[in-house]
N, C-alpha and C. Protein backbone atom coordinates (compact mmCIF):
# COMPACT_ATOMS: atom_id res chain seq x y z
N UNK A 1 -64.63 -168.94 32.34
CA UNK A 1 -64.27 -169.93 31.67
C UNK A 1 -65.30 -170.58 30.76
N UNK A 2 -64.96 -170.99 29.67
CA UNK A 2 -65.86 -171.55 28.74
C UNK A 2 -65.40 -172.93 28.32
N UNK A 3 -66.29 -173.97 28.35
CA UNK A 3 -65.82 -175.19 27.89
C UNK A 3 -66.85 -175.75 26.77
N UNK A 4 -66.37 -176.67 25.84
CA UNK A 4 -66.90 -177.46 25.12
C UNK A 4 -66.77 -178.91 25.47
N UNK A 5 -67.74 -179.57 25.79
CA UNK A 5 -67.61 -180.94 26.42
C UNK A 5 -68.25 -181.83 25.37
N UNK A 6 -67.52 -182.82 24.77
CA UNK A 6 -67.94 -183.75 23.89
C UNK A 6 -67.75 -185.15 24.37
N UNK A 7 -68.92 -185.83 24.35
CA UNK A 7 -68.90 -187.39 24.80
C UNK A 7 -68.24 -188.10 23.49
N UNK A 8 -67.14 -188.68 23.83
CA UNK A 8 -66.40 -189.40 22.64
C UNK A 8 -66.34 -190.97 22.81
N UNK A 9 -66.21 -191.62 21.80
CA UNK A 9 -65.83 -193.08 21.77
C UNK A 9 -64.17 -193.07 21.98
N UNK A 10 -63.57 -192.08 21.30
CA UNK A 10 -62.11 -191.98 21.46
C UNK A 10 -61.83 -190.64 20.95
N UNK A 11 -60.54 -190.26 21.40
CA UNK A 11 -60.06 -188.90 20.97
C UNK A 11 -58.58 -188.85 21.06
N UNK A 12 -57.89 -187.99 20.35
CA UNK A 12 -56.38 -187.81 20.61
C UNK A 12 -56.01 -186.53 20.02
N UNK A 13 -54.77 -186.21 20.42
CA UNK A 13 -54.27 -184.88 20.03
C UNK A 13 -52.77 -185.19 19.49
N UNK A 14 -52.61 -184.70 18.43
CA UNK A 14 -51.13 -184.64 17.79
C UNK A 14 -50.45 -183.35 17.88
N UNK A 15 -49.21 -183.32 18.20
CA UNK A 15 -48.43 -182.31 18.11
C UNK A 15 -47.10 -182.63 17.37
N UNK A 16 -46.68 -181.89 16.47
CA UNK A 16 -45.58 -182.08 15.63
C UNK A 16 -45.61 -183.36 14.95
N UNK A 17 -46.80 -183.80 14.44
CA UNK A 17 -47.12 -185.02 13.77
C UNK A 17 -46.90 -186.36 14.62
N UNK A 18 -46.90 -186.13 16.01
CA UNK A 18 -46.83 -187.37 16.80
C UNK A 18 -48.05 -187.27 17.80
N UNK A 19 -48.54 -188.46 18.11
CA UNK A 19 -49.63 -188.49 19.09
C UNK A 19 -49.16 -188.26 20.47
N UNK A 20 -49.59 -187.09 20.96
CA UNK A 20 -49.21 -186.67 22.35
C UNK A 20 -50.00 -187.31 23.30
N UNK A 21 -51.28 -187.44 23.19
CA UNK A 21 -52.24 -188.02 24.17
C UNK A 21 -53.44 -188.70 23.48
N UNK A 22 -53.92 -189.65 24.03
CA UNK A 22 -55.20 -190.23 23.63
C UNK A 22 -55.96 -191.02 24.63
N UNK A 23 -57.32 -191.09 24.36
CA UNK A 23 -58.28 -191.53 25.41
C UNK A 23 -59.16 -192.43 24.46
N UNK A 24 -59.96 -193.34 25.32
CA UNK A 24 -60.95 -194.18 24.79
C UNK A 24 -62.25 -193.54 25.13
N UNK A 25 -63.26 -194.22 25.52
CA UNK A 25 -64.51 -193.56 25.95
C UNK A 25 -64.48 -192.57 27.01
N UNK A 26 -65.06 -191.61 26.76
CA UNK A 26 -64.90 -190.57 27.98
C UNK A 26 -65.41 -189.06 27.27
N UNK A 27 -64.67 -188.19 27.94
CA UNK A 27 -64.91 -186.83 27.43
C UNK A 27 -63.64 -186.04 26.78
N UNK A 28 -63.96 -185.26 25.79
CA UNK A 28 -62.92 -184.36 25.23
C UNK A 28 -63.44 -183.01 25.64
N UNK A 29 -62.58 -182.32 26.46
CA UNK A 29 -62.89 -181.07 26.92
C UNK A 29 -62.06 -179.90 26.27
N UNK A 30 -62.59 -178.99 25.60
CA UNK A 30 -61.97 -177.70 25.09
C UNK A 30 -62.24 -176.78 26.05
N UNK A 31 -61.18 -176.12 26.55
CA UNK A 31 -61.11 -175.17 27.72
C UNK A 31 -60.66 -173.92 27.19
N UNK A 32 -61.49 -172.81 27.26
CA UNK A 32 -61.12 -171.48 26.99
C UNK A 32 -61.08 -170.63 28.37
N UNK A 33 -59.98 -169.83 28.62
CA UNK A 33 -59.81 -169.00 29.81
C UNK A 33 -59.78 -167.66 29.57
N UNK A 34 -60.72 -166.93 30.30
CA UNK A 34 -60.91 -165.55 30.10
C UNK A 34 -60.07 -164.83 31.19
N UNK A 35 -59.80 -163.55 30.84
CA UNK A 35 -58.90 -162.77 31.73
C UNK A 35 -59.47 -162.53 33.17
N UNK A 36 -60.93 -162.63 33.30
CA UNK A 36 -61.48 -162.44 34.54
C UNK A 36 -61.57 -163.86 35.39
N UNK A 37 -61.31 -164.98 34.81
CA UNK A 37 -61.41 -166.13 35.48
C UNK A 37 -60.58 -166.35 36.54
N UNK A 38 -61.11 -167.16 37.56
CA UNK A 38 -60.34 -167.54 38.86
C UNK A 38 -60.63 -168.87 39.30
N UNK A 39 -60.15 -169.26 40.36
CA UNK A 39 -60.25 -170.63 41.04
C UNK A 39 -61.81 -171.01 41.20
N UNK A 40 -62.55 -170.15 41.51
CA UNK A 40 -64.12 -170.39 41.68
C UNK A 40 -64.63 -170.94 40.28
N UNK A 41 -64.17 -170.39 39.35
CA UNK A 41 -64.65 -170.91 37.76
C UNK A 41 -64.34 -172.39 37.66
N UNK A 42 -63.00 -172.64 38.05
CA UNK A 42 -62.57 -174.11 37.90
C UNK A 42 -63.32 -174.95 38.76
N UNK A 43 -63.58 -174.58 40.07
CA UNK A 43 -64.32 -175.42 40.95
C UNK A 43 -65.70 -175.82 40.43
N UNK A 44 -66.41 -174.66 39.89
CA UNK A 44 -67.78 -174.89 39.39
C UNK A 44 -67.81 -175.84 38.23
N UNK A 45 -66.87 -175.50 37.19
CA UNK A 45 -66.82 -176.40 35.88
C UNK A 45 -66.60 -177.83 36.36
N UNK A 46 -65.54 -178.11 37.03
CA UNK A 46 -65.17 -179.43 37.39
C UNK A 46 -66.40 -180.14 38.07
N UNK A 47 -67.07 -179.50 39.04
CA UNK A 47 -68.22 -180.10 39.65
C UNK A 47 -69.35 -180.34 38.79
N UNK A 48 -69.55 -179.55 37.89
CA UNK A 48 -70.63 -179.90 36.80
C UNK A 48 -70.21 -180.93 35.75
N UNK A 49 -68.89 -180.89 35.28
CA UNK A 49 -68.57 -181.78 34.31
C UNK A 49 -68.51 -183.21 34.79
N UNK A 50 -67.92 -183.43 36.09
CA UNK A 50 -67.89 -184.80 36.42
C UNK A 50 -69.14 -185.56 36.81
N UNK A 51 -70.25 -184.62 37.08
CA UNK A 51 -71.55 -185.18 37.44
C UNK A 51 -72.56 -185.08 36.28
N UNK A 52 -72.07 -184.51 35.00
CA UNK A 52 -72.85 -184.33 33.98
C UNK A 52 -73.27 -185.63 33.49
N UNK A 53 -74.77 -185.96 33.43
CA UNK A 53 -75.20 -187.17 33.12
C UNK A 53 -75.47 -187.23 31.56
N UNK A 54 -74.36 -187.53 30.85
CA UNK A 54 -74.66 -187.69 29.30
C UNK A 54 -74.18 -189.00 28.77
N UNK A 55 -73.98 -189.92 29.50
CA UNK A 55 -73.68 -191.23 29.12
C UNK A 55 -74.87 -192.18 29.30
N UNK A 56 -75.05 -193.13 28.36
CA UNK A 56 -76.25 -194.05 28.35
C UNK A 56 -76.34 -195.05 29.44
N UNK A 57 -77.29 -195.36 30.10
CA UNK A 57 -77.43 -196.43 31.00
C UNK A 57 -78.00 -197.59 30.23
N UNK A 58 -78.51 -198.79 31.02
CA UNK A 58 -78.89 -199.90 30.42
C UNK A 58 -80.29 -199.85 29.53
N UNK A 59 -80.99 -198.83 29.74
CA UNK A 59 -82.14 -198.44 29.17
C UNK A 59 -81.88 -197.45 27.84
N UNK A 60 -80.68 -197.25 27.66
CA UNK A 60 -80.23 -196.33 26.58
C UNK A 60 -80.64 -194.83 26.86
N UNK A 61 -80.79 -194.49 28.08
CA UNK A 61 -81.16 -193.00 28.48
C UNK A 61 -79.91 -192.45 29.01
N UNK A 62 -79.69 -191.22 28.57
CA UNK A 62 -78.43 -190.42 29.18
C UNK A 62 -78.72 -190.16 30.72
N UNK A 63 -78.02 -190.97 31.36
CA UNK A 63 -78.37 -191.16 32.86
C UNK A 63 -77.15 -191.29 33.66
N UNK A 64 -75.94 -191.51 33.06
CA UNK A 64 -74.75 -191.68 33.77
C UNK A 64 -73.68 -190.78 33.50
N UNK A 65 -72.73 -190.52 34.47
CA UNK A 65 -71.76 -189.48 34.39
C UNK A 65 -70.49 -190.16 33.93
N UNK A 66 -69.39 -189.33 33.80
CA UNK A 66 -68.23 -189.90 33.31
C UNK A 66 -67.52 -190.72 34.71
N UNK A 67 -67.95 -190.25 35.83
CA UNK A 67 -67.55 -191.09 36.99
C UNK A 67 -68.16 -192.51 36.99
N UNK A 68 -69.39 -192.37 36.74
CA UNK A 68 -70.23 -193.76 36.61
C UNK A 68 -69.62 -194.76 35.77
N UNK A 69 -69.24 -194.32 34.62
CA UNK A 69 -68.82 -195.20 33.41
C UNK A 69 -67.21 -195.53 33.59
N UNK A 70 -66.61 -194.67 34.46
CA UNK A 70 -65.10 -194.77 34.60
C UNK A 70 -64.47 -194.55 33.30
N UNK A 71 -64.89 -193.30 32.64
CA UNK A 71 -64.42 -192.81 31.44
C UNK A 71 -63.11 -191.99 31.59
N UNK A 72 -62.50 -191.87 30.45
CA UNK A 72 -61.32 -191.12 30.45
C UNK A 72 -61.54 -189.63 29.90
N UNK A 73 -60.51 -188.85 30.00
CA UNK A 73 -60.70 -187.37 29.71
C UNK A 73 -59.48 -186.84 29.07
N UNK A 74 -59.73 -186.04 27.92
CA UNK A 74 -58.76 -185.30 27.38
C UNK A 74 -59.11 -183.87 27.29
N UNK A 75 -58.27 -182.91 27.92
CA UNK A 75 -58.33 -181.62 28.10
C UNK A 75 -57.44 -180.81 27.11
N UNK A 76 -58.13 -180.03 26.29
CA UNK A 76 -57.33 -179.21 25.31
C UNK A 76 -57.69 -177.64 25.72
N UNK A 77 -56.58 -176.82 25.73
CA UNK A 77 -56.72 -175.47 25.89
C UNK A 77 -57.12 -174.88 24.49
N UNK A 78 -58.11 -173.96 24.54
CA UNK A 78 -58.61 -173.36 23.15
C UNK A 78 -59.18 -172.06 23.29
N UNK A 79 -58.11 -171.02 23.35
CA UNK A 79 -58.39 -169.69 23.43
C UNK A 79 -59.56 -169.08 22.66
N UNK A 80 -59.74 -169.72 21.40
CA UNK A 80 -60.64 -169.23 20.40
C UNK A 80 -62.09 -169.35 20.78
N UNK A 81 -62.33 -170.02 21.93
CA UNK A 81 -63.72 -170.16 22.48
C UNK A 81 -64.19 -168.87 22.95
N UNK A 82 -63.40 -167.80 23.22
CA UNK A 82 -63.56 -166.48 23.65
C UNK A 82 -63.64 -165.47 22.57
N UNK A 83 -63.49 -166.00 21.23
CA UNK A 83 -63.62 -164.94 20.16
C UNK A 83 -64.76 -164.12 20.07
N UNK A 84 -64.63 -162.91 19.94
CA UNK A 84 -65.66 -161.95 19.76
C UNK A 84 -65.83 -161.60 18.18
N UNK A 85 -66.97 -161.65 17.72
CA UNK A 85 -67.08 -161.67 16.23
C UNK A 85 -68.23 -160.69 15.73
N UNK A 86 -68.67 -159.81 16.71
CA UNK A 86 -69.71 -158.78 16.60
C UNK A 86 -69.33 -157.77 15.47
N UNK A 87 -68.05 -157.36 15.55
CA UNK A 87 -67.59 -156.24 14.57
C UNK A 87 -66.71 -156.90 13.61
N UNK A 88 -66.95 -156.52 12.20
CA UNK A 88 -66.12 -157.01 11.26
C UNK A 88 -65.97 -158.54 11.12
N UNK A 89 -65.03 -159.02 10.48
CA UNK A 89 -64.93 -160.43 10.06
C UNK A 89 -63.77 -161.02 10.74
N UNK A 90 -62.93 -160.38 11.35
CA UNK A 90 -61.72 -160.91 12.09
C UNK A 90 -62.00 -161.03 13.48
N UNK A 91 -62.09 -162.21 14.16
CA UNK A 91 -62.26 -162.40 15.58
C UNK A 91 -61.36 -161.63 16.32
N UNK A 92 -61.98 -161.01 17.48
CA UNK A 92 -61.10 -160.31 18.56
C UNK A 92 -60.98 -161.24 19.78
N UNK A 93 -59.78 -161.27 20.41
CA UNK A 93 -59.49 -162.17 21.49
C UNK A 93 -59.24 -161.20 22.63
N UNK A 94 -59.87 -160.05 22.82
CA UNK A 94 -59.57 -159.07 23.78
C UNK A 94 -59.87 -159.57 25.34
N UNK A 95 -60.83 -160.52 25.45
CA UNK A 95 -61.14 -161.11 26.64
C UNK A 95 -60.32 -162.40 27.15
N UNK A 96 -59.52 -162.83 26.24
CA UNK A 96 -58.64 -164.06 26.44
C UNK A 96 -57.63 -163.79 27.58
N UNK A 97 -57.39 -164.62 28.38
CA UNK A 97 -56.40 -164.43 29.44
C UNK A 97 -55.04 -164.58 28.84
N UNK A 98 -54.01 -163.75 29.33
CA UNK A 98 -52.74 -163.89 28.82
C UNK A 98 -52.09 -165.16 29.47
N UNK A 99 -51.12 -165.68 28.75
CA UNK A 99 -50.39 -167.04 29.17
C UNK A 99 -50.06 -166.93 30.62
N UNK A 100 -49.43 -165.88 31.30
CA UNK A 100 -49.14 -165.93 32.66
C UNK A 100 -50.22 -166.11 33.52
N UNK A 101 -51.57 -165.82 33.22
CA UNK A 101 -52.60 -166.13 33.96
C UNK A 101 -53.35 -167.57 33.58
N UNK A 102 -53.39 -167.64 32.25
CA UNK A 102 -54.02 -168.97 31.63
C UNK A 102 -53.40 -170.14 31.96
N UNK A 103 -52.13 -170.23 31.96
CA UNK A 103 -51.34 -171.50 32.15
C UNK A 103 -51.71 -171.95 33.39
N UNK A 104 -51.48 -171.23 34.55
CA UNK A 104 -51.72 -171.87 35.87
C UNK A 104 -53.05 -172.37 36.22
N UNK A 105 -53.99 -171.61 35.62
CA UNK A 105 -55.38 -172.12 35.70
C UNK A 105 -55.67 -173.35 34.83
N UNK A 106 -55.01 -173.34 33.72
CA UNK A 106 -55.19 -174.65 32.80
C UNK A 106 -54.59 -175.68 33.56
N UNK A 107 -53.55 -175.55 34.11
CA UNK A 107 -52.75 -176.74 34.84
C UNK A 107 -53.65 -176.97 36.10
N UNK A 108 -54.15 -176.12 36.82
CA UNK A 108 -55.04 -176.33 37.95
C UNK A 108 -56.24 -177.09 37.67
N UNK A 109 -56.96 -176.66 36.31
CA UNK A 109 -58.15 -177.43 35.84
C UNK A 109 -57.66 -178.87 35.60
N UNK A 110 -56.71 -179.07 34.99
CA UNK A 110 -56.21 -180.59 34.80
C UNK A 110 -56.07 -181.29 35.96
N UNK A 111 -55.37 -180.68 37.05
CA UNK A 111 -55.04 -181.29 38.38
C UNK A 111 -56.43 -181.52 39.05
N UNK A 112 -57.21 -180.73 38.96
CA UNK A 112 -58.62 -181.06 39.69
C UNK A 112 -59.36 -182.14 39.11
N UNK A 113 -59.34 -182.12 37.67
CA UNK A 113 -59.96 -183.28 36.97
C UNK A 113 -59.40 -184.75 37.40
N UNK A 114 -58.03 -184.56 37.44
CA UNK A 114 -57.29 -185.80 37.78
C UNK A 114 -57.71 -186.26 39.21
N UNK A 115 -57.93 -185.28 40.24
CA UNK A 115 -58.39 -185.69 41.42
C UNK A 115 -59.70 -186.24 41.45
N UNK A 116 -60.62 -185.78 40.63
CA UNK A 116 -62.01 -186.17 40.69
C UNK A 116 -62.35 -187.54 39.85
N UNK A 117 -61.33 -187.98 38.89
CA UNK A 117 -61.60 -189.20 38.27
C UNK A 117 -60.59 -190.21 38.46
N UNK A 118 -61.05 -191.27 38.69
CA UNK A 118 -60.19 -192.41 38.99
C UNK A 118 -59.40 -192.98 37.79
N UNK A 119 -59.86 -192.46 36.57
CA UNK A 119 -59.30 -192.97 35.40
C UNK A 119 -58.33 -192.01 34.71
N UNK A 120 -57.87 -192.28 33.53
CA UNK A 120 -56.88 -191.57 32.60
C UNK A 120 -57.49 -190.07 32.43
N UNK A 121 -56.76 -189.08 32.74
CA UNK A 121 -56.94 -187.74 32.45
C UNK A 121 -55.62 -187.24 31.79
N UNK A 122 -55.65 -186.89 30.40
CA UNK A 122 -54.51 -186.37 29.71
C UNK A 122 -54.84 -184.98 29.07
N UNK A 123 -53.84 -184.47 28.54
CA UNK A 123 -54.12 -183.00 27.81
C UNK A 123 -53.10 -182.85 26.78
N UNK A 124 -53.39 -181.67 26.16
CA UNK A 124 -52.55 -181.18 25.16
C UNK A 124 -51.48 -180.20 25.87
N UNK A 125 -50.80 -179.47 24.94
CA UNK A 125 -49.83 -178.60 25.36
C UNK A 125 -50.30 -177.21 25.29
N UNK A 126 -50.41 -176.26 26.19
CA UNK A 126 -50.89 -175.04 26.15
C UNK A 126 -50.02 -174.15 25.14
N UNK A 127 -50.86 -173.49 24.20
CA UNK A 127 -50.12 -172.71 23.12
C UNK A 127 -49.58 -173.50 21.88
N UNK A 128 -49.57 -174.80 21.87
CA UNK A 128 -49.04 -175.66 20.94
C UNK A 128 -50.10 -175.52 19.77
N UNK A 129 -49.50 -175.96 18.54
CA UNK A 129 -50.37 -176.12 17.32
C UNK A 129 -50.68 -177.68 17.41
N UNK A 130 -51.95 -177.89 17.63
CA UNK A 130 -52.48 -179.14 18.04
C UNK A 130 -53.43 -179.56 16.78
N UNK A 131 -53.53 -180.88 16.59
CA UNK A 131 -54.35 -181.66 15.69
C UNK A 131 -55.26 -182.44 16.55
N UNK A 132 -56.53 -182.25 16.70
CA UNK A 132 -57.34 -182.99 17.62
C UNK A 132 -58.31 -183.88 16.73
N UNK A 133 -58.24 -185.13 17.11
CA UNK A 133 -59.09 -186.12 16.27
C UNK A 133 -60.04 -186.71 17.40
N UNK A 134 -61.26 -186.89 16.85
CA UNK A 134 -62.19 -187.54 17.90
C UNK A 134 -63.34 -188.23 17.03
N UNK A 135 -63.95 -189.23 17.85
CA UNK A 135 -65.23 -189.91 17.41
C UNK A 135 -66.26 -189.46 18.35
N UNK A 136 -67.01 -188.41 17.93
CA UNK A 136 -68.13 -187.86 18.83
C UNK A 136 -69.17 -189.05 18.95
N UNK A 137 -69.53 -189.27 20.15
CA UNK A 137 -70.45 -190.41 20.43
C UNK A 137 -71.92 -189.72 20.62
N UNK A 138 -72.80 -189.90 19.58
CA UNK A 138 -74.17 -189.52 19.81
C UNK A 138 -74.56 -188.83 18.54
N UNK A 139 -74.13 -187.58 18.08
CA UNK A 139 -73.23 -186.82 18.75
C UNK A 139 -73.72 -186.12 20.15
N UNK A 140 -72.99 -186.01 21.19
CA UNK A 140 -73.33 -185.18 22.26
C UNK A 140 -72.26 -184.08 22.57
N UNK A 141 -72.67 -182.91 22.47
CA UNK A 141 -71.72 -181.70 22.66
C UNK A 141 -72.55 -180.73 23.62
N UNK A 142 -71.96 -180.35 24.70
CA UNK A 142 -72.36 -179.50 25.68
C UNK A 142 -71.52 -178.31 25.88
N UNK A 143 -72.15 -177.09 25.88
CA UNK A 143 -71.29 -175.85 26.02
C UNK A 143 -71.59 -175.33 27.52
N UNK A 144 -70.63 -174.94 28.18
CA UNK A 144 -70.84 -174.34 29.49
C UNK A 144 -69.91 -173.16 29.59
N UNK A 145 -70.34 -172.20 30.38
CA UNK A 145 -69.80 -170.90 30.61
C UNK A 145 -69.94 -170.49 31.96
N UNK A 146 -68.85 -170.24 32.70
CA UNK A 146 -68.95 -169.85 34.19
C UNK A 146 -69.63 -168.50 34.21
N UNK A 147 -69.77 -167.64 33.16
CA UNK A 147 -70.38 -166.36 33.34
C UNK A 147 -71.94 -166.57 32.95
N UNK A 148 -72.28 -167.64 32.77
CA UNK A 148 -73.76 -167.98 32.56
C UNK A 148 -74.18 -169.19 33.33
N UNK A 149 -74.07 -169.08 34.64
CA UNK A 149 -74.39 -170.22 35.36
C UNK A 149 -75.83 -170.46 35.68
N UNK A 150 -76.57 -169.40 35.45
CA UNK A 150 -78.12 -169.59 35.71
C UNK A 150 -78.92 -170.05 34.39
């Protein structure tokens, strides 16, 4: 699994020109699921994300987690995070999980995040054409991949 975690002041997702979900201060998480991903990948990512100290404390140092600030979370599925672009100019998505595997893992990721955070956790719709808007705070953007844990 690969995620792009963005610290945001606010974020929202539109589907069919309607706001589907929105958050205030917190994290926008773009989640890409690979065909080899499993439950252990979810567990590792959730543990890292909820403890990631990327929010400012009273001294303006990045020292607080989303749990500490009681921030909200918007999770968006994004298979293009696993695009391979080594050959040619058209990205290959050969490593991307098929929907029958990806959807249950995506839903499990959302559920586990809801279990870890006492605040609002919302998501987009898997496979939908989504328009994501955000105000990146900092900007702070972190990329994590369960295949590169070390």
